[in-house]
Amino acid sequence: MDNNNKLKKIIGPVILVLILAFMISLPLFAQNYTIILLRTILMYVALTLSWVLFSGFTGYTSLATAVFYGTGLYTAGVLNGVLPLPLLMLCSGLISAVLALIIGTITLRLRGIYFAIFTLSSVELIKHVLNWYEINVLGVRGHYVTRVDYGTVYYILLAIVVLILITTYLIKRSRYGLALSGIKSCEEAAVHTGVNATALKVLLFALSAFFIGMTGTVMATGMLYVDSIIAFNLNYSFFPTLMAIFGGMSSMFGPIIGATVFAYLQEYLITRSPDAYMFIFGLVMIITILYLPDGLVGLYVRIRELLLQKAIPQIRRKISGGKHANTAS
């Protein structure tokens, strides 16, 4: 039993290292279209993992992803040509984190649907305030962004994904992860044991926003033009949430699988059936929520358990049959 547990602990990191090595080498032989598609997939993986970093630990459903992603996009437009890309990413990440601290301090005393509605409303509020400011104060709308080659964007996004995974791993195995687990299970009980629940939630919210903001800035370099309407798109709040649910949040592989499948499905449907892709997306999510509440990972676990339940009795019968045959001889 101990050997099996040790083997499980080794297999996960080995698989991740092999996948990472493959992803690093992929641009060396892949075509430009493949790199562009993988860039989009990595973007969604980063957004989904960032969402899970907060909502998975705390149990709070945040719909503010579009706020922080839009902040990254918009910051890249405003500061275009002023800062080099690494500093621009850091700047947008910090702005997103500060914005998350403000929103989190106001809203993270709310719970359930009230928190979700407030975070969703903040997307529309910031979008229309910036749009009004651009038109009525600046007299111009939108900003141009200097394009960066797809390969560079791909590697930066891959680095962000790895950084989020490492951060999630370290938090899970720290005393903060234990405190967050207590908040998710029963926040009142965690508070009574001395956990500063509000402070932990706000800080984790800001950390999640930091990664989302950086991702937005990197993706902006693949665009020529950014304005508030483009940047603060509500889909960037809904899609990561749906991708995490679709993949399953019981392991770190779930959100990655969900984001990868959904991002590819989106690209395929937009190019093949642009008028129906949102309908199909909605249909897939309804089926997932009704029949796959634990996502694709949960489905895999259930199938594996069923196979094991059928296989183990057969193995036992073969073993017992072999013993009887030996005894008879």
Protein backbone atom coordinates (compact mmCIF):
# COMPACT_ATOMS: atom_id res chain seq x y z
CA MET A 1 0.00 0.00 0.00
CA ASP A 2 2.85 2.33 0.90
CA ASN A 3 4.58 1.49 -2.37
CA ASN A 4 1.40 2.36 -4.28
CA ASN A 5 1.16 5.73 -2.53
CA LYS A 6 4.81 6.47 -3.27
CA LEU A 7 4.29 5.50 -6.89
CA LYS A 8 1.28 7.84 -7.18
CA LYS A 9 3.31 10.71 -5.73
CA ILE A 10 6.09 10.10 -8.25
CA ILE A 11 3.90 9.60 -11.34
CA GLY A 12 2.22 13.04 -11.13
CA PRO A 13 5.44 15.13 -11.15
CA VAL A 14 7.00 12.90 -13.83
CA ILE A 15 3.98 13.40 -16.11
CA LEU A 16 4.10 17.17 -15.53
CA VAL A 17 7.84 17.31 -16.35
CA LEU A 18 7.33 15.31 -19.56
CA ILE A 19 4.42 17.53 -20.62
CA LEU A 20 6.48 20.65 -19.86
CA ALA A 21 9.43 19.36 -21.89
CA PHE A 22 7.11 18.63 -24.79
CA MET A 23 5.49 22.08 -24.56
CA ILE A 24 8.89 23.80 -24.50
CA SER A 25 10.07 21.96 -27.62
CA LEU A 26 6.78 22.28 -29.52
CA PRO A 27 7.40 25.70 -31.19
CA LEU A 28 10.56 24.28 -32.76
CA PHE A 29 8.58 22.13 -35.20
CA ALA A 30 4.97 23.39 -35.00
CA GLN A 31 3.33 25.65 -37.59
CA ASN A 32 2.25 29.23 -36.85
CA TYR A 33 -1.44 28.29 -36.65
CA THR A 34 -0.64 25.64 -34.04
CA ILE A 35 1.34 28.16 -31.98
CA ILE A 36 -1.53 30.66 -32.14
CA LEU A 37 -4.00 27.97 -31.04
CA LEU A 38 -1.70 26.84 -28.21
CA ARG A 39 -1.27 30.45 -27.13
CA THR A 40 -5.06 30.75 -26.76
CA ILE A 41 -5.22 27.44 -24.88
CA LEU A 42 -2.43 28.53 -22.50
CA MET A 43 -4.23 31.82 -21.91
CA TYR A 44 -7.39 30.00 -20.85
CA VAL A 45 -5.38 27.54 -18.76
CA ALA A 46 -3.75 30.47 -16.93
CA LEU A 47 -7.11 32.18 -16.34
CA THR A 48 -8.76 28.96 -15.18
CA LEU A 49 -5.92 28.02 -12.82
CA SER A 50 -5.92 31.57 -11.42
CA TRP A 51 -9.67 31.33 -10.84
CA VAL A 52 -9.23 27.97 -9.10
CA LEU A 53 -6.40 29.43 -7.01
CA PHE A 54 -8.99 31.64 -5.29
CA SER A 55 -12.37 29.96 -5.74
CA GLY A 56 -11.05 26.41 -5.36
CA PHE A 57 -9.42 27.19 -2.00
CA THR A 58 -12.17 29.37 -0.53
CA GLY A 59 -15.38 28.04 -2.10
CA TYR A 60 -16.34 31.57 -3.21
CA THR A 61 -17.48 31.86 -6.83
CA SER A 62 -15.71 34.89 -8.29
CA LEU A 63 -16.93 36.38 -11.57
CA ALA A 64 -14.35 39.17 -11.52
CA THR A 65 -11.84 37.46 -13.82
CA ALA A 66 -12.78 39.85 -16.66
CA VAL A 67 -11.97 42.83 -14.40
CA PHE A 68 -8.37 41.74 -13.87
CA TYR A 69 -7.83 40.33 -17.36
CA GLY A 70 -9.26 43.55 -18.83
CA THR A 71 -6.99 45.58 -16.55
CA GLY A 72 -4.01 43.72 -18.00
CA LEU A 73 -5.19 44.33 -21.57
CA TYR A 74 -6.00 47.98 -20.95
CA THR A 75 -2.75 48.67 -19.08
CA ALA A 76 -0.80 47.27 -22.02
CA GLY A 77 -2.62 49.75 -24.29
CA VAL A 78 -2.14 52.77 -22.02
CA LEU A 79 1.54 52.09 -21.30
CA ASN A 80 2.37 50.83 -24.78
CA GLY A 81 5.94 51.78 -25.67
CA VAL A 82 6.60 53.28 -22.23
CA LEU A 83 7.82 50.13 -20.46
CA PRO A 84 9.51 46.94 -21.69
CA LEU A 85 7.27 43.87 -21.63
CA PRO A 86 8.57 42.31 -18.36
CA LEU A 87 8.03 45.58 -16.44
CA LEU A 88 4.70 46.10 -18.18
CA MET A 89 3.58 42.65 -17.03
CA LEU A 90 4.69 43.36 -13.48
CA CYS A 91 2.95 46.74 -13.51
CA SER A 92 -0.35 45.34 -14.81
CA GLY A 93 -0.15 42.46 -12.33
CA LEU A 94 0.31 44.88 -9.43
CA ILE A 95 -2.51 47.17 -10.64
CA SER A 96 -4.81 44.14 -10.89
CA ALA A 97 -3.75 43.00 -7.41
CA VAL A 98 -4.44 46.44 -5.91
CA LEU A 99 -7.82 46.51 -7.63
CA ALA A 100 -8.53 43.04 -6.20
CA LEU A 101 -7.57 44.26 -2.73
CA ILE A 102 -10.10 47.09 -3.03
CA ILE A 103 -12.87 44.89 -4.45
CA GLY A 104 -12.07 42.08 -2.03
CA THR A 105 -12.09 44.32 1.03
CA ILE A 106 -15.55 45.57 0.05
CA THR A 107 -17.10 42.29 -1.13
CA LEU A 108 -15.45 39.37 0.65
CA ARG A 109 -17.63 39.86 3.69
CA LEU A 110 -20.51 38.88 1.41
CA ARG A 111 -21.20 35.24 0.62
CA GLY A 112 -22.81 33.05 -1.99
CA ILE A 113 -24.76 34.65 -4.79
CA TYR A 114 -24.26 38.17 -3.39
CA PHE A 115 -20.48 37.96 -3.84
CA ALA A 116 -20.83 36.50 -7.35
CA ILE A 117 -23.27 39.22 -8.44
CA PHE A 118 -21.10 42.03 -7.03
CA THR A 119 -17.97 40.75 -8.78
CA LEU A 120 -19.87 40.37 -12.04
CA SER A 121 -21.31 43.89 -11.73
CA SER A 122 -17.83 45.31 -11.19
CA VAL A 123 -16.89 44.22 -14.73
CA GLU A 124 -19.67 46.28 -16.28
CA LEU A 125 -19.05 49.23 -13.96
CA ILE A 126 -15.36 49.54 -14.82
CA LYS A 127 -16.01 48.94 -18.53
CA HIS A 128 -18.52 51.76 -18.86
CA VAL A 129 -16.65 54.20 -16.61
CA LEU A 130 -13.51 53.82 -18.73
CA ASN A 131 -15.52 54.04 -21.94
CA TRP A 132 -17.15 57.29 -20.74
CA TYR A 133 -13.76 58.66 -19.66
CA GLU A 134 -12.13 57.91 -23.01
CA ILE A 135 -14.90 59.50 -25.08
CA ASN A 136 -15.76 62.50 -22.91
CA VAL A 137 -12.44 63.39 -21.29
CA LEU A 138 -9.68 62.09 -23.58
CA GLY A 139 -11.65 62.58 -26.77
CA VAL A 140 -10.28 59.33 -28.20
CA ARG A 141 -11.28 55.74 -27.82
CA GLY A 142 -8.88 52.85 -27.45
CA HIS A 143 -5.11 52.39 -27.67
CA TYR A 144 -2.75 50.73 -30.10
CA VAL A 145 -0.48 47.94 -28.88
CA THR A 146 2.90 46.91 -30.26
CA ARG A 147 2.72 43.35 -31.51
CA VAL A 148 5.09 40.70 -30.10
CA ASP A 149 5.81 37.50 -32.04
CA TYR A 150 3.67 34.48 -31.24
CA GLY A 151 6.58 32.31 -30.05
CA THR A 152 7.60 34.80 -27.36
CA VAL A 153 4.00 35.17 -26.16
CA TYR A 154 3.68 31.37 -26.07
CA TYR A 155 6.74 30.90 -23.86
CA ILE A 156 5.72 33.72 -21.50
CA LEU A 157 2.24 32.23 -21.07
CA LEU A 158 3.77 28.81 -20.46
CA ALA A 159 5.99 30.34 -17.75
CA ILE A 160 2.93 31.99 -16.13
CA VAL A 161 1.07 28.65 -16.09
CA VAL A 162 4.05 26.92 -14.45
CA LEU A 163 4.33 29.74 -11.90
CA ILE A 164 0.62 29.41 -11.01
CA LEU A 165 0.96 25.64 -10.61
CA ILE A 166 3.98 26.04 -8.32
CA THR A 167 2.18 28.70 -6.27
CA THR A 168 -0.90 26.49 -5.92
CA TYR A 169 1.25 23.52 -4.89
CA LEU A 170 3.11 25.52 -2.24
CA ILE A 171 -0.10 27.02 -0.80
CA LYS A 172 -1.73 23.60 -0.59
CA ARG A 173 1.13 22.31 1.51
CA SER A 174 1.44 25.33 3.79
CA ARG A 175 -0.39 26.32 6.95
CA TYR A 176 -2.21 28.94 4.88
CA GLY A 177 -3.61 26.15 2.73
CA LEU A 178 -4.83 24.41 5.88
CA ALA A 179 -6.49 27.62 7.06
CA LEU A 180 -8.11 28.13 3.64
CA SER A 181 -9.37 24.56 3.72
CA GLY A 182 -11.01 25.37 7.06
CA ILE A 183 -12.61 28.49 5.54
CA LYS A 184 -14.02 26.44 2.66
CA SER A 185 -15.38 23.72 4.94
CA CYS A 186 -16.86 25.97 7.63
CA GLU A 187 -15.83 29.62 7.75
CA GLU A 188 -17.45 30.25 11.17
CA ALA A 189 -15.51 27.38 12.73
CA ALA A 190 -12.26 28.61 11.14
CA VAL A 191 -12.82 32.12 12.53
CA HIS A 192 -13.47 30.72 16.01
CA THR A 193 -10.13 28.89 15.88
CA GLY A 194 -8.33 32.20 15.28
CA VAL A 195 -8.13 32.29 11.46
CA ASN A 196 -8.38 35.80 9.99
CA ALA A 197 -10.67 34.64 7.20
CA THR A 198 -11.27 38.01 5.55
CA ALA A 199 -7.56 38.87 5.34
CA LEU A 200 -6.64 35.48 3.89
CA LYS A 201 -9.43 35.64 1.30
CA VAL A 202 -8.50 39.18 0.23
CA LEU A 203 -4.80 38.33 -0.11
CA LEU A 204 -5.54 35.19 -2.13
CA PHE A 205 -7.95 37.19 -4.29
CA ALA A 206 -5.16 39.70 -4.98
CA LEU A 207 -2.65 36.93 -5.77
CA SER A 208 -5.08 35.38 -8.25
CA ALA A 209 -5.68 38.80 -9.83
CA PHE A 210 -1.91 39.35 -10.17
CA PHE A 211 -1.56 36.32 -12.44
CA ILE A 212 -4.70 37.20 -14.41
CA GLY A 213 -3.48 40.77 -14.99
CA MET A 214 -0.12 39.56 -16.29
CA THR A 215 -1.88 37.13 -18.62
CA GLY A 216 -4.00 39.96 -20.01
CA THR A 217 -0.95 42.10 -20.76
CA VAL A 218 0.80 39.26 -22.58
CA MET A 219 -2.29 38.56 -24.70
CA ALA A 220 -2.63 42.26 -25.54
CA THR A 221 0.67 42.06 -27.41
CA GLY A 222 -1.05 39.79 -29.92
CA MET A 223 -3.60 42.50 -30.70
CA LEU A 224 -3.22 45.74 -32.61
CA TYR A 225 -5.90 47.67 -30.74
CA VAL A 226 -7.48 47.60 -27.25
CA ASP A 227 -10.38 49.58 -25.79
CA SER A 228 -12.53 49.16 -22.69
CA ILE A 229 -15.30 47.28 -24.54
CA ILE A 230 -12.84 44.75 -25.94
CA ALA A 231 -10.86 44.44 -22.70
CA PHE A 232 -13.67 44.02 -20.17
CA ASN A 233 -15.58 41.27 -21.94
CA LEU A 234 -17.88 39.25 -19.64
CA ASN A 235 -16.89 36.04 -21.42
CA TYR A 236 -13.54 36.23 -19.62
CA SER A 237 -15.46 35.93 -16.35
CA PHE A 238 -17.72 33.09 -17.42
CA PHE A 239 -15.37 30.90 -19.48
CA PRO A 240 -12.71 30.18 -16.80
CA THR A 241 -15.47 29.28 -14.34
CA LEU A 242 -17.11 26.95 -16.85
CA MET A 243 -13.77 25.42 -17.82
CA ALA A 244 -12.90 24.65 -14.19
CA ILE A 245 -16.30 23.02 -13.62
CA PHE A 246 -16.05 21.09 -16.89
CA GLY A 247 -12.61 19.71 -16.06
CA GLY A 248 -13.24 19.13 -12.36
CA MET A 249 -11.53 20.81 -9.44
CA SER A 250 -10.61 17.72 -7.42
CA SER A 251 -7.07 17.84 -8.83
CA MET A 252 -4.82 20.36 -10.59
CA PHE A 253 -5.14 18.37 -13.82
CA GLY A 254 -8.91 18.98 -13.98
CA PRO A 255 -8.86 22.73 -14.74
CA ILE A 256 -6.02 22.22 -17.24
CA ILE A 257 -7.97 19.51 -19.08
CA GLY A 258 -11.18 21.54 -18.96
CA ALA A 259 -9.52 24.69 -20.28
CA THR A 260 -7.70 22.78 -23.03
CA VAL A 261 -10.81 20.96 -24.28
CA PHE A 262 -13.00 24.06 -24.08
CA ALA A 263 -10.46 26.34 -25.77
CA TYR A 264 -9.99 23.89 -28.63
CA LEU A 265 -13.76 23.41 -28.91
CA GLN A 266 -14.24 27.18 -29.05
CA GLU A 267 -11.65 27.58 -31.80
CA TYR A 268 -13.12 24.69 -33.78
CA LEU A 269 -16.72 25.94 -33.49
CA ILE A 270 -15.87 29.58 -34.24
CA THR A 271 -14.16 28.57 -37.50
CA ARG A 272 -16.71 25.88 -38.49
CA SER A 273 -20.00 27.12 -37.00
CA PRO A 274 -19.71 30.68 -35.65
CA ASP A 275 -23.46 31.17 -35.25
CA ALA A 276 -23.99 28.07 -33.11
CA TYR A 277 -20.88 27.85 -30.94
CA MET A 278 -22.35 29.66 -27.92
CA PHE A 279 -25.44 27.44 -28.08
CA ILE A 280 -23.24 24.33 -28.13
CA PHE A 281 -21.15 25.74 -25.27
CA GLY A 282 -24.28 26.21 -23.19
CA LEU A 283 -25.53 22.72 -24.04
CA VAL A 284 -22.22 21.16 -23.00
CA MET A 285 -22.32 23.01 -19.68
CA ILE A 286 -25.91 21.97 -18.95
CA ILE A 287 -24.99 18.33 -19.59
CA THR A 288 -21.86 18.68 -17.43
CA ILE A 289 -23.72 20.20 -14.48
CA LEU A 290 -26.55 17.65 -14.68
CA TYR A 291 -24.57 14.48 -15.31
CA LEU A 292 -20.91 15.32 -14.52
CA PRO A 293 -20.94 17.41 -11.33
CA ASP A 294 -17.29 16.47 -10.67
CA GLY A 295 -16.22 17.19 -14.27
CA LEU A 296 -14.10 15.05 -16.55
CA VAL A 297 -11.75 14.09 -13.73
CA GLY A 298 -14.68 12.85 -11.67
CA LEU A 299 -15.91 10.85 -14.68
CA TYR A 300 -12.47 9.24 -15.04
CA VAL A 301 -12.40 8.33 -11.33
CA ARG A 302 -15.88 6.77 -11.51
CA ILE A 303 -15.00 4.72 -14.63
CA ARG A 304 -11.75 3.55 -13.01
CA GLU A 305 -13.60 2.49 -9.84
CA LEU A 306 -16.20 0.59 -11.86
CA LEU A 307 -13.50 -1.22 -13.83
CA LEU A 308 -11.63 -2.08 -10.65
CA GLN A 309 -14.81 -3.35 -9.01
CA LYS A 310 -15.34 -5.70 -11.95
CA ALA A 311 -11.68 -6.66 -12.36
CA ILE A 312 -10.83 -7.45 -8.74
CA PRO A 313 -13.44 -10.25 -8.30
CA GLN A 314 -12.29 -11.82 -11.58
CA ILE A 315 -8.66 -11.74 -10.43
CA ARG A 316 -9.63 -13.27 -7.10
CA ARG A 317 -11.57 -16.04 -8.84
CA LYS A 318 -8.59 -16.82 -11.06
CA ILE A 319 -6.24 -16.88 -8.07
CA SER A 320 -8.58 -19.10 -6.03
CA GLY A 321 -9.13 -21.34 -9.07
CA GLY A 322 -5.39 -21.72 -9.49
CA LYS A 323 -4.97 -22.64 -5.83
CA HIS A 324 -7.71 -25.30 -6.04
CA ALA A 325 -6.08 -26.77 -9.14
CA ASN A 326 -2.69 -26.97 -7.39
CA THR A 327 -4.28 -28.57 -4.34
CA ALA A 328 -6.06 -31.17 -6.47
CA SER A 329 -2.88 -32.10 -8.26
